[in-house]
Amino acid sequence: MGTERKRKVSLFDVVDESSVSAKLAKSNGGIAAQGNNLINRWNGRPYSQRYYEILEKRKTLPVWHQKEEFLQVLKSNQTLVLVGETGSGKTTQIPQFILDAVDIEAPDKRRKYMVGCTQPRRVAAMSVSRRVAEEMDVTIGEEVGYSIRFEDCSSARTVLKYLTDGMLLREAMTDPLLERYKVIVLDEAHERTLATDVLFGLLKEVLRNRPDLKLVVMSATLEAEKFQGYFNSAPLMKVPGRLHPVEILYTQEPERDYLEAAIRTVIVAVSQYSLMKHMVSSRLYASADLPWASSVITNFFFSTQLLYPA
């Protein structure tokens, strides 16, 4: 009777994910423990073939080659300013590097500490989080999530969350010390939105009261000295971008309506070439033209099924 009762208790006992992952690793002959990492540490499942395909592409990003240097600098400093050119991979890779190196275990076993990465726009927070969830081979809304106005796609299992700077400010209203976060990444800091500027002041005060919290300020421009000075001479790290061949094509005759010509050119180019292999750039000189042109192009692609909404 006693043995039977013990079996029932062990069968229905609640265990955390880390122990499940460890047991799965042992059942596979300790292969994962030996460094092959066949078991995903975040959900305890074997990695899919898609994960390894994406991993090879990740290794070609410029920021990948500076992973160890970044982690060493972050380990030695509470605040770090990182300047990375467009295409370096900083937005998707830096938060993952941090997750690999930082202990996110919290005193409350039902939850874990999180890494938060702010974005100035809602679309960026949503799209980047989906991409990172795919790279980590986890479910969006579970281990990786996002938070934007009127929508919170995260859970108690979330360890990496992309959110707009406004949403982080809202969280700070109920949690002034942001105690759920172990590391906060302020991305696109060079855009200097109102919410981002307010976060600078807020986080500087939080860092004084939380020595365990770390902050990474990421910018795409070289005007990082202001950020360094504000955060007490924080170290600066630079990541190069990737250069792509650009071909400039001119019209044979002057166009009567340059905006209509630009829209027509983009539609023709994208219709003929794969979106994954070619990036088409058309410069519009009047900022007022951008919303209308974007609407026309987007509606055309959706109506012809050349592009699908996320």
C-alpha atoms as a PDB file:
ATOM      1  CA  MET A   1       0.000   0.000   0.000  1.00  0.00           C
ATOM      2  CA  GLY A   2       2.809   2.357   0.919  1.00  0.00           C
ATOM      3  CA  THR A   3       4.631   1.607  -2.326  1.00  0.00           C
ATOM      4  CA  GLU A   4       1.475   2.204  -4.350  1.00  0.00           C
ATOM      5  CA  ARG A   5       0.915   5.555  -2.655  1.00  0.00           C
ATOM      6  CA  LYS A   6       4.494   6.625  -3.379  1.00  0.00           C
ATOM      7  CA  ARG A   7       4.032   5.778  -7.043  1.00  0.00           C
ATOM      8  CA  LYS A   8       0.914   7.934  -7.238  1.00  0.00           C
ATOM      9  CA  VAL A   9       2.648  10.875  -5.626  1.00  0.00           C
ATOM     10  CA  SER A  10       5.632  10.644  -7.968  1.00  0.00           C
ATOM     11  CA  LEU A  11       3.330  10.308 -10.975  1.00  0.00           C
ATOM     12  CA  PHE A  12       1.304  13.439 -10.265  1.00  0.00           C
ATOM     13  CA  ASP A  13       4.018  15.464  -8.607  1.00  0.00           C
ATOM     14  CA  VAL A  14       4.761  18.820 -10.259  1.00  0.00           C
ATOM     15  CA  VAL A  15       8.269  19.243 -11.608  1.00  0.00           C
ATOM     16  CA  ASP A  16       9.855  22.236 -13.251  1.00  0.00           C
ATOM     17  CA  GLU A  17      10.940  22.342 -16.894  1.00  0.00           C
ATOM     18  CA  SER A  18      14.655  22.346 -16.155  1.00  0.00           C
ATOM     19  CA  SER A  19      14.424  18.999 -14.380  1.00  0.00           C
ATOM     20  CA  VAL A  20      12.358  17.576 -17.242  1.00  0.00           C
ATOM     21  CA  SER A  21      14.991  18.733 -19.720  1.00  0.00           C
ATOM     22  CA  ALA A  22      17.740  17.177 -17.605  1.00  0.00           C
ATOM     23  CA  LYS A  23      15.913  13.848 -17.391  1.00  0.00           C
ATOM     24  CA  LEU A  24      15.336  13.843 -21.129  1.00  0.00           C
ATOM     25  CA  ALA A  25      19.013  14.532 -21.669  1.00  0.00           C
ATOM     26  CA  LYS A  26      19.970  11.607 -19.425  1.00  0.00           C
ATOM     27  CA  SER A  27      17.531   9.297 -21.188  1.00  0.00           C
ATOM     28  CA  ASN A  28      19.325  10.114 -24.436  1.00  0.00           C
ATOM     29  CA  GLY A  29      22.570   8.733 -23.072  1.00  0.00           C
ATOM     30  CA  GLY A  30      23.748  12.075 -21.777  1.00  0.00           C
ATOM     31  CA  ILE A  31      24.282  13.355 -25.303  1.00  0.00           C
ATOM     32  CA  ALA A  32      22.839  16.774 -24.537  1.00  0.00           C
ATOM     33  CA  ALA A  33      25.002  17.091 -21.456  1.00  0.00           C
ATOM     34  CA  GLN A  34      28.077  16.381 -23.544  1.00  0.00           C
ATOM     35  CA  GLY A  35      27.561  19.502 -25.622  1.00  0.00           C
ATOM     36  CA  ASN A  36      25.553  18.362 -28.621  1.00  0.00           C
ATOM     37  CA  ASN A  37      22.490  20.105 -27.172  1.00  0.00           C
ATOM     38  CA  LEU A  38      19.909  17.920 -28.878  1.00  0.00           C
ATOM     39  CA  ILE A  39      17.334  18.912 -26.266  1.00  0.00           C
ATOM     40  CA  ASN A  40      15.874  22.407 -26.220  1.00  0.00           C
ATOM     41  CA  ARG A  41      16.507  23.770 -22.730  1.00  0.00           C
ATOM     42  CA  TRP A  42      13.427  25.999 -22.880  1.00  0.00           C
ATOM     43  CA  ASN A  43      10.747  23.407 -23.582  1.00  0.00           C
ATOM     44  CA  GLY A  44      12.501  20.080 -23.007  1.00  0.00           C
ATOM     45  CA  ARG A  45      11.853  18.877 -26.566  1.00  0.00           C
ATOM     46  CA  PRO A  46      14.314  17.752 -29.234  1.00  0.00           C
ATOM     47  CA  TYR A  47      15.340  20.463 -31.657  1.00  0.00           C
ATOM     48  CA  SER A  48      13.676  20.353 -35.066  1.00  0.00           C
ATOM     49  CA  GLN A  49      15.538  20.203 -38.359  1.00  0.00           C
ATOM     50  CA  ARG A  50      14.350  23.741 -39.046  1.00  0.00           C
ATOM     51  CA  TYR A  51      16.257  24.960 -35.971  1.00  0.00           C
ATOM     52  CA  TYR A  52      19.588  23.707 -37.327  1.00  0.00           C
ATOM     53  CA  GLU A  53      18.913  25.237 -40.741  1.00  0.00           C
ATOM     54  CA  ILE A  54      18.266  28.641 -39.186  1.00  0.00           C
ATOM     55  CA  LEU A  55      21.269  28.241 -36.874  1.00  0.00           C
ATOM     56  CA  GLU A  56      23.608  28.024 -39.863  1.00  0.00           C
ATOM     57  CA  LYS A  57      22.199  31.295 -41.188  1.00  0.00           C
ATOM     58  CA  ARG A  58      22.537  32.937 -37.779  1.00  0.00           C
ATOM     59  CA  LYS A  59      26.226  32.083 -37.717  1.00  0.00           C
ATOM     60  CA  THR A  60      26.779  34.215 -40.827  1.00  0.00           C
ATOM     61  CA  LEU A  61      25.555  37.391 -39.106  1.00  0.00           C
ATOM     62  CA  PRO A  62      28.293  39.895 -38.146  1.00  0.00           C
ATOM     63  CA  VAL A  63      27.132  40.056 -34.526  1.00  0.00           C
ATOM     64  CA  TRP A  64      27.580  36.290 -34.122  1.00  0.00           C
ATOM     65  CA  HIS A  65      31.353  36.619 -34.408  1.00  0.00           C
ATOM     66  CA  GLN A  66      31.405  39.023 -31.453  1.00  0.00           C
ATOM     67  CA  LYS A  67      29.243  36.954 -29.146  1.00  0.00           C
ATOM     68  CA  GLU A  68      31.987  36.072 -26.659  1.00  0.00           C
ATOM     69  CA  GLU A  69      33.316  39.626 -26.572  1.00  0.00           C
ATOM     70  CA  PHE A  70      29.819  40.972 -25.924  1.00  0.00           C
ATOM     71  CA  LEU A  71      29.162  38.545 -23.076  1.00  0.00           C
ATOM     72  CA  GLN A  72      32.498  39.346 -21.441  1.00  0.00           C
ATOM     73  CA  VAL A  73      31.802  43.091 -21.519  1.00  0.00           C
ATOM     74  CA  LEU A  74      28.259  42.593 -20.230  1.00  0.00           C
ATOM     75  CA  LYS A  75      29.493  40.385 -17.400  1.00  0.00           C
ATOM     76  CA  SER A  76      31.918  43.058 -16.222  1.00  0.00           C
ATOM     77  CA  ASN A  77      29.551  46.044 -16.490  1.00  0.00           C
ATOM     78  CA  GLN A  78      26.028  46.896 -15.448  1.00  0.00           C
ATOM     79  CA  THR A  79      25.404  49.032 -18.534  1.00  0.00           C
ATOM     80  CA  LEU A  80      26.639  48.556 -22.094  1.00  0.00           C
ATOM     81  CA  VAL A  81      26.185  50.699 -25.201  1.00  0.00           C
ATOM     82  CA  LEU A  82      26.235  48.737 -28.455  1.00  0.00           C
ATOM     83  CA  VAL A  83      26.354  50.345 -31.885  1.00  0.00           C
ATOM     84  CA  GLY A  84      25.454  48.022 -34.735  1.00  0.00           C
ATOM     85  CA  GLU A  85      24.797  48.876 -38.339  1.00  0.00           C
ATOM     86  CA  THR A  86      21.590  47.801 -40.020  1.00  0.00           C
ATOM     87  CA  GLY A  87      21.772  44.130 -40.952  1.00  0.00           C
ATOM     88  CA  SER A  88      24.238  43.175 -38.229  1.00  0.00           C
ATOM     89  CA  GLY A  89      21.630  41.023 -36.473  1.00  0.00           C
ATOM     90  CA  LYS A  90      21.711  42.821 -33.133  1.00  0.00           C
ATOM     91  CA  THR A  91      17.933  42.974 -32.614  1.00  0.00           C
ATOM     92  CA  THR A  92      17.377  39.226 -32.944  1.00  0.00           C
ATOM     93  CA  GLN A  93      20.684  37.852 -31.665  1.00  0.00           C
ATOM     94  CA  ILE A  94      21.717  40.007 -28.682  1.00  0.00           C
ATOM     95  CA  PRO A  95      18.707  39.018 -26.521  1.00  0.00           C
ATOM     96  CA  GLN A  96      19.385  35.354 -27.317  1.00  0.00           C
ATOM     97  CA  PHE A  97      23.051  35.735 -26.364  1.00  0.00           C
ATOM     98  CA  ILE A  98      21.943  37.187 -23.049  1.00  0.00           C
ATOM     99  CA  LEU A  99      19.545  34.310 -22.428  1.00  0.00           C
ATOM    100  CA  ASP A 100      22.357  31.818 -22.965  1.00  0.00           C
ATOM    101  CA  ALA A 101      24.583  33.481 -20.364  1.00  0.00           C
ATOM    102  CA  VAL A 102      22.326  34.958 -17.667  1.00  0.00           C
ATOM    103  CA  ASP A 103      20.783  32.997 -14.816  1.00  0.00           C
ATOM    104  CA  ILE A 104      17.037  33.622 -15.059  1.00  0.00           C
ATOM    105  CA  GLU A 105      15.975  31.397 -12.174  1.00  0.00           C
ATOM    106  CA  ALA A 106      13.764  33.360  -9.770  1.00  0.00           C
ATOM    107  CA  PRO A 107      12.957  32.657  -6.109  1.00  0.00           C
ATOM    108  CA  ASP A 108       9.375  32.000  -7.212  1.00  0.00           C
ATOM    109  CA  LYS A 109       9.666  28.674  -9.039  1.00  0.00           C
ATOM    110  CA  ARG A 110       6.407  29.314 -10.881  1.00  0.00           C
ATOM    111  CA  ARG A 111       8.055  32.127 -12.801  1.00  0.00           C
ATOM    112  CA  LYS A 112      11.442  32.976 -14.240  1.00  0.00           C
ATOM    113  CA  TYR A 113      13.227  36.250 -14.705  1.00  0.00           C
ATOM    114  CA  MET A 114      12.850  37.732 -18.171  1.00  0.00           C
ATOM    115  CA  VAL A 115      14.989  39.501 -20.722  1.00  0.00           C
ATOM    116  CA  GLY A 116      13.067  42.462 -22.124  1.00  0.00           C
ATOM    117  CA  CYS A 117      13.824  44.147 -25.446  1.00  0.00           C
ATOM    118  CA  THR A 118      12.029  47.385 -26.298  1.00  0.00           C
ATOM    119  CA  GLN A 119      11.047  48.486 -29.788  1.00  0.00           C
ATOM    120  CA  PRO A 120       9.736  51.915 -30.804  1.00  0.00           C
ATOM    121  CA  ARG A 121       7.049  50.396 -33.058  1.00  0.00           C
ATOM    122  CA  ARG A 122       4.400  47.739 -32.485  1.00  0.00           C
ATOM    123  CA  VAL A 123       4.956  45.996 -35.807  1.00  0.00           C
ATOM    124  CA  ALA A 124       8.642  45.529 -35.000  1.00  0.00           C
ATOM    125  CA  ALA A 125       7.884  44.032 -31.582  1.00  0.00           C
ATOM    126  CA  MET A 126       5.470  41.515 -33.117  1.00  0.00           C
ATOM    127  CA  SER A 127       7.522  40.509 -36.157  1.00  0.00           C
ATOM    128  CA  VAL A 128      10.866  40.254 -34.354  1.00  0.00           C
ATOM    129  CA  SER A 129       9.400  38.152 -31.537  1.00  0.00           C
ATOM    130  CA  ARG A 130       7.951  35.695 -34.060  1.00  0.00           C
ATOM    131  CA  ARG A 131      11.302  35.426 -35.806  1.00  0.00           C
ATOM    132  CA  VAL A 132      13.189  34.871 -32.550  1.00  0.00           C
ATOM    133  CA  ALA A 133      10.668  32.245 -31.437  1.00  0.00           C
ATOM    134  CA  GLU A 134      11.342  30.416 -34.696  1.00  0.00           C
ATOM    135  CA  GLU A 135      15.107  30.690 -34.198  1.00  0.00           C
ATOM    136  CA  MET A 136      14.835  29.335 -30.649  1.00  0.00           C
ATOM    137  CA  ASP A 137      12.452  26.592 -31.808  1.00  0.00           C
ATOM    138  CA  VAL A 138       9.808  27.545 -29.245  1.00  0.00           C
ATOM    139  CA  THR A 139       6.181  28.672 -29.324  1.00  0.00           C
ATOM    140  CA  ILE A 140       5.343  32.342 -29.690  1.00  0.00           C
ATOM    141  CA  GLY A 141       3.419  33.479 -26.637  1.00  0.00           C
ATOM    142  CA  GLU A 142       5.071  30.879 -24.437  1.00  0.00           C
ATOM    143  CA  GLU A 143       8.862  31.012 -24.050  1.00  0.00           C
ATOM    144  CA  VAL A 144       9.109  34.055 -26.335  1.00  0.00           C
ATOM    145  CA  GLY A 145       6.395  36.694 -26.347  1.00  0.00           C
ATOM    146  CA  TYR A 146       5.557  40.291 -27.115  1.00  0.00           C
ATOM    147  CA  SER A 147       3.551  43.054 -25.516  1.00  0.00           C
ATOM    148  CA  ILE A 148       1.996  45.959 -27.392  1.00  0.00           C
ATOM    149  CA  ARG A 149      -0.924  48.256 -26.737  1.00  0.00           C
ATOM    150  CA  PHE A 150      -4.160  46.252 -26.387  1.00  0.00           C
ATOM    151  CA  GLU A 151      -2.345  42.926 -26.836  1.00  0.00           C
ATOM    152  CA  ASP A 152      -0.165  40.891 -24.492  1.00  0.00           C
ATOM    153  CA  CYS A 153       1.116  37.700 -26.103  1.00  0.00           C
ATOM    154  CA  SER A 154       3.143  36.286 -23.207  1.00  0.00           C
ATOM    155  CA  SER A 155       2.734  33.889 -20.301  1.00  0.00           C
ATOM    156  CA  ALA A 156       4.315  32.789 -17.026  1.00  0.00           C
ATOM    157  CA  ARG A 157       6.717  30.670 -19.121  1.00  0.00           C
ATOM    158  CA  THR A 158       8.017  33.657 -21.072  1.00  0.00           C
ATOM    159  CA  VAL A 159      11.753  34.284 -20.685  1.00  0.00           C
ATOM    160  CA  LEU A 160      12.225  36.727 -23.577  1.00  0.00           C
ATOM    161  CA  LYS A 161       9.736  39.474 -24.287  1.00  0.00           C
ATOM    162  CA  TYR A 162       9.762  42.108 -27.005  1.00  0.00           C
ATOM    163  CA  LEU A 163       7.648  45.108 -26.117  1.00  0.00           C
ATOM    164  CA  THR A 164       7.150  48.701 -27.119  1.00  0.00           C
ATOM    165  CA  ASP A 165       8.862  51.313 -24.988  1.00  0.00           C
ATOM    166  CA  GLY A 166       5.436  52.589 -23.991  1.00  0.00           C
ATOM    167  CA  MET A 167       4.450  49.192 -22.600  1.00  0.00           C
ATOM    168  CA  LEU A 168       7.615  49.007 -20.498  1.00  0.00           C
ATOM    169  CA  LEU A 169       6.713  52.403 -19.067  1.00  0.00           C
ATOM    170  CA  ARG A 170       3.259  51.078 -18.244  1.00  0.00           C
ATOM    171  CA  GLU A 171       4.783  48.073 -16.472  1.00  0.00           C
ATOM    172  CA  ALA A 172       6.994  50.414 -14.466  1.00  0.00           C
ATOM    173  CA  MET A 173       3.874  52.092 -13.073  1.00  0.00           C
ATOM    174  CA  THR A 174       2.892  48.887 -11.254  1.00  0.00           C
ATOM    175  CA  ASP A 175       6.435  47.535 -10.780  1.00  0.00           C
ATOM    176  CA  PRO A 176       8.749  50.543 -10.221  1.00  0.00           C
ATOM    177  CA  LEU A 177      11.896  48.406  -9.927  1.00  0.00           C
ATOM    178  CA  LEU A 178      10.977  46.158 -12.869  1.00  0.00           C
ATOM    179  CA  GLU A 179      11.720  43.161 -10.684  1.00  0.00           C
ATOM    180  CA  ARG A 180      10.615  40.621 -13.277  1.00  0.00           C
ATOM    181  CA  TYR A 181      13.494  41.575 -15.557  1.00  0.00           C
ATOM    182  CA  LYS A 182      17.094  40.445 -15.286  1.00  0.00           C
ATOM    183  CA  VAL A 183      18.333  42.335 -18.352  1.00  0.00           C
ATOM    184  CA  ILE A 184      16.642  45.107 -20.330  1.00  0.00           C
ATOM    185  CA  VAL A 185      17.658  45.937 -23.897  1.00  0.00           C
ATOM    186  CA  LEU A 186      16.725  49.359 -25.265  1.00  0.00           C
ATOM    187  CA  ASP A 187      16.785  48.888 -29.019  1.00  0.00           C
ATOM    188  CA  GLU A 188      16.722  51.659 -31.634  1.00  0.00           C
ATOM    189  CA  ALA A 189      17.732  54.158 -28.962  1.00  0.00           C
ATOM    190  CA  HIS A 190      18.900  56.599 -31.640  1.00  0.00           C
ATOM    191  CA  GLU A 191      15.282  57.288 -32.621  1.00  0.00           C
ATOM    192  CA  ARG A 192      14.855  59.132 -29.310  1.00  0.00           C
ATOM    193  CA  THR A 193      11.099  58.705 -28.976  1.00  0.00           C
ATOM    194  CA  LEU A 194       9.420  60.368 -26.017  1.00  0.00           C
ATOM    195  CA  ALA A 195       8.876  57.015 -24.298  1.00  0.00           C
ATOM    196  CA  THR A 196      12.508  55.993 -24.840  1.00  0.00           C
ATOM    197  CA  ASP A 197      13.822  59.245 -23.386  1.00  0.00           C
ATOM    198  CA  VAL A 198      11.613  58.812 -20.318  1.00  0.00           C
ATOM    199  CA  LEU A 199      12.885  55.236 -19.983  1.00  0.00           C
ATOM    200  CA  PHE A 200      16.468  56.518 -19.915  1.00  0.00           C
ATOM    201  CA  GLY A 201      15.748  58.511 -16.784  1.00  0.00           C
ATOM    202  CA  LEU A 202      13.653  55.777 -15.216  1.00  0.00           C
ATOM    203  CA  LEU A 203      16.169  52.994 -15.822  1.00  0.00           C
ATOM    204  CA  LYS A 204      19.073  55.079 -14.557  1.00  0.00           C
ATOM    205  CA  GLU A 205      17.279  55.328 -11.223  1.00  0.00           C
ATOM    206  CA  VAL A 206      16.293  51.644 -11.249  1.00  0.00           C
ATOM    207  CA  LEU A 207      19.910  50.622 -11.869  1.00  0.00           C
ATOM    208  CA  ARG A 208      20.960  52.471  -8.717  1.00  0.00           C
ATOM    209  CA  ASN A 209      18.469  50.498  -6.643  1.00  0.00           C
ATOM    210  CA  ARG A 210      18.981  47.159  -8.391  1.00  0.00           C
ATOM    211  CA  PRO A 211      22.658  46.219  -8.767  1.00  0.00           C
ATOM    212  CA  ASP A 212      21.587  42.853 -10.227  1.00  0.00           C
ATOM    213  CA  LEU A 213      19.813  44.468 -13.190  1.00  0.00           C
ATOM    214  CA  LYS A 214      21.751  44.989 -16.422  1.00  0.00           C
ATOM    215  CA  LEU A 215      21.000  47.370 -19.277  1.00  0.00           C
ATOM    216  CA  VAL A 216      22.042  47.199 -22.936  1.00  0.00           C
ATOM    217  CA  VAL A 217      21.465  50.310 -25.053  1.00  0.00           C
ATOM    218  CA  MET A 218      21.538  49.538 -28.784  1.00  0.00           C
ATOM    219  CA  SER A 219      21.785  52.125 -31.522  1.00  0.00           C
ATOM    220  CA  ALA A 220      22.290  52.095 -35.279  1.00  0.00           C
ATOM    221  CA  THR A 221      24.211  55.376 -35.355  1.00  0.00           C
ATOM    222  CA  LEU A 222      27.640  56.383 -34.166  1.00  0.00           C
ATOM    223  CA  GLU A 223      26.291  59.168 -31.930  1.00  0.00           C
ATOM    224  CA  ALA A 224      26.631  56.958 -28.888  1.00  0.00           C
ATOM    225  CA  GLU A 225      28.762  59.284 -26.786  1.00  0.00           C
ATOM    226  CA  LYS A 226      25.618  60.882 -25.359  1.00  0.00           C
ATOM    227  CA  PHE A 227      24.390  57.508 -24.146  1.00  0.00           C
ATOM    228  CA  GLN A 228      27.797  56.689 -22.709  1.00  0.00           C
ATOM    229  CA  GLY A 229      27.996  59.947 -20.813  1.00  0.00           C
ATOM    230  CA  TYR A 230      24.485  59.642 -19.443  1.00  0.00           C
ATOM    231  CA  PHE A 231      25.121  56.155 -18.083  1.00  0.00           C
ATOM    232  CA  ASN A 232      28.362  56.999 -16.274  1.00  0.00           C
ATOM    233  CA  SER A 233      30.847  56.273 -19.085  1.00  0.00           C
ATOM    234  CA  ALA A 234      29.385  52.894 -19.995  1.00  0.00           C
ATOM    235  CA  PRO A 235      31.633  50.850 -22.325  1.00  0.00           C
ATOM    236  CA  LEU A 236      30.984  51.120 -26.046  1.00  0.00           C
ATOM    237  CA  MET A 237      30.986  48.147 -28.388  1.00  0.00           C
ATOM    238  CA  LYS A 238      30.702  48.382 -32.170  1.00  0.00           C
ATOM    239  CA  VAL A 239      29.362  45.712 -34.521  1.00  0.00           C
ATOM    240  CA  PRO A 240      29.897  46.062 -38.289  1.00  0.00           C
ATOM    241  CA  GLY A 241      27.079  45.558 -40.746  1.00  0.00           C
ATOM    242  CA  ARG A 242      26.882  43.627 -43.979  1.00  0.00           C
ATOM    243  CA  LEU A 243      27.414  45.225 -47.354  1.00  0.00           C
ATOM    244  CA  HIS A 244      25.134  44.229 -50.214  1.00  0.00           C
ATOM    245  CA  PRO A 245      25.624  45.060 -53.888  1.00  0.00           C
ATOM    246  CA  VAL A 246      23.355  47.911 -54.972  1.00  0.00           C
ATOM    247  CA  GLU A 247      22.450  48.633 -58.576  1.00  0.00           C
ATOM    248  CA  ILE A 248      21.069  52.068 -59.436  1.00  0.00           C
ATOM    249  CA  LEU A 249      18.746  52.247 -62.434  1.00  0.00           C
ATOM    250  CA  TYR A 250      17.696  55.555 -63.965  1.00  0.00           C
ATOM    251  CA  THR A 251      14.638  56.243 -66.097  1.00  0.00           C
ATOM    252  CA  GLN A 252      15.320  56.837 -69.762  1.00  0.00           C
ATOM    253  CA  GLU A 253      13.063  59.893 -69.770  1.00  0.00           C
ATOM    254  CA  PRO A 254      11.943  62.320 -67.044  1.00  0.00           C
ATOM    255  CA  GLU A 255       8.773  61.238 -65.250  1.00  0.00           C
ATOM    256  CA  ARG A 256       5.795  63.572 -64.995  1.00  0.00           C
ATOM    257  CA  ASP A 257       4.735  62.123 -61.631  1.00  0.00           C
ATOM    258  CA  TYR A 258       7.707  60.785 -59.681  1.00  0.00           C
ATOM    259  CA  LEU A 259       5.526  59.298 -56.917  1.00  0.00           C
ATOM    260  CA  GLU A 260       3.427  57.268 -59.328  1.00  0.00           C
ATOM    261  CA  ALA A 261       6.600  56.140 -61.102  1.00  0.00           C
ATOM    262  CA  ALA A 262       8.175  55.066 -57.812  1.00  0.00           C
ATOM    263  CA  ILE A 263       5.117  52.998 -56.848  1.00  0.00           C
ATOM    264  CA  ARG A 264       4.962  51.420 -60.300  1.00  0.00           C
ATOM    265  CA  THR A 265       8.662  50.534 -60.156  1.00  0.00           C
ATOM    266  CA  VAL A 266       8.384  48.878 -56.744  1.00  0.00           C
ATOM    267  CA  ILE A 267       5.356  46.823 -57.807  1.00  0.00           C
ATOM    268  CA  VAL A 268       7.026  45.631 -61.015  1.00  0.00           C
ATOM    269  CA  ALA A 269      10.331  44.821 -59.311  1.00  0.00           C
ATOM    270  CA  VAL A 270       8.820  42.871 -56.430  1.00  0.00           C
ATOM    271  CA  SER A 271       6.393  41.084 -58.739  1.00  0.00           C
ATOM    272  CA  GLN A 272       9.261  39.784 -60.873  1.00  0.00           C
ATOM    273  CA  TYR A 273      11.785  38.919 -58.166  1.00  0.00           C
ATOM    274  CA  SER A 274      11.630  36.919 -54.955  1.00  0.00           C
ATOM    275  CA  LEU A 275      11.055  39.007 -51.835  1.00  0.00           C
ATOM    276  CA  MET A 276      13.587  36.855 -49.989  1.00  0.00           C
ATOM    277  CA  LYS A 277      16.421  37.479 -52.429  1.00  0.00           C
ATOM    278  CA  HIS A 278      16.049  41.109 -53.437  1.00  0.00           C
ATOM    279  CA  MET A 279      15.478  44.291 -51.517  1.00  0.00           C
ATOM    280  CA  VAL A 280      14.033  47.127 -53.577  1.00  0.00           C
ATOM    281  CA  SER A 281      14.619  50.675 -52.386  1.00  0.00           C
ATOM    282  CA  SER A 282      12.805  53.684 -53.772  1.00  0.00           C
ATOM    283  CA  ARG A 283      13.498  57.101 -52.290  1.00  0.00           C
ATOM    284  CA  LEU A 284      10.560  59.426 -51.692  1.00  0.00           C
ATOM    285  CA  TYR A 285      11.633  62.985 -50.955  1.00  0.00           C
ATOM    286  CA  ALA A 286       8.404  64.209 -49.364  1.00  0.00           C
ATOM    287  CA  SER A 287       7.584  62.543 -46.067  1.00  0.00           C
ATOM    288  CA  ALA A 288       3.884  63.292 -46.604  1.00  0.00           C
ATOM    289  CA  ASP A 289       3.897  60.890 -49.571  1.00  0.00           C
ATOM    290  CA  LEU A 290       5.028  57.892 -47.526  1.00  0.00           C
ATOM    291  CA  PRO A 291       1.723  56.802 -45.915  1.00  0.00           C
ATOM    292  CA  TRP A 292      -0.212  57.002 -49.177  1.00  0.00           C
ATOM    293  CA  ALA A 293       2.475  55.223 -51.206  1.00  0.00           C
ATOM    294  CA  SER A 294       2.813  52.510 -48.566  1.00  0.00           C
ATOM    295  CA  SER A 295      -0.961  51.979 -48.571  1.00  0.00           C
ATOM    296  CA  VAL A 296      -1.129  51.659 -52.369  1.00  0.00           C
ATOM    297  CA  ILE A 297       1.765  49.175 -52.538  1.00  0.00           C
ATOM    298  CA  THR A 298       0.531  47.082 -49.608  1.00  0.00           C
ATOM    299  CA  ASN A 299      -3.027  46.867 -50.947  1.00  0.00           C
ATOM    300  CA  PHE A 300      -1.724  45.772 -54.340  1.00  0.00           C
ATOM    301  CA  PHE A 301       0.394  42.965 -52.879  1.00  0.00           C
ATOM    302  CA  PHE A 302      -2.402  41.718 -50.637  1.00  0.00           C
ATOM    303  CA  SER A 303      -4.954  41.778 -53.476  1.00  0.00           C
ATOM    304  CA  THR A 304      -2.628  39.827 -55.789  1.00  0.00           C
ATOM    305  CA  GLN A 305      -1.497  37.469 -52.982  1.00  0.00           C
ATOM    306  CA  LEU A 306       2.156  38.396 -53.536  1.00  0.00           C
ATOM    307  CA  LEU A 307       2.317  39.324 -49.884  1.00  0.00           C
ATOM    308  CA  TYR A 308       0.413  37.983 -46.922  1.00  0.00           C
ATOM    309  CA  PRO A 309      -0.345  39.832 -43.697  1.00  0.00           C
ATOM    310  CA  ALA A 310       1.637  38.654 -40.669  1.00  0.00           C
END
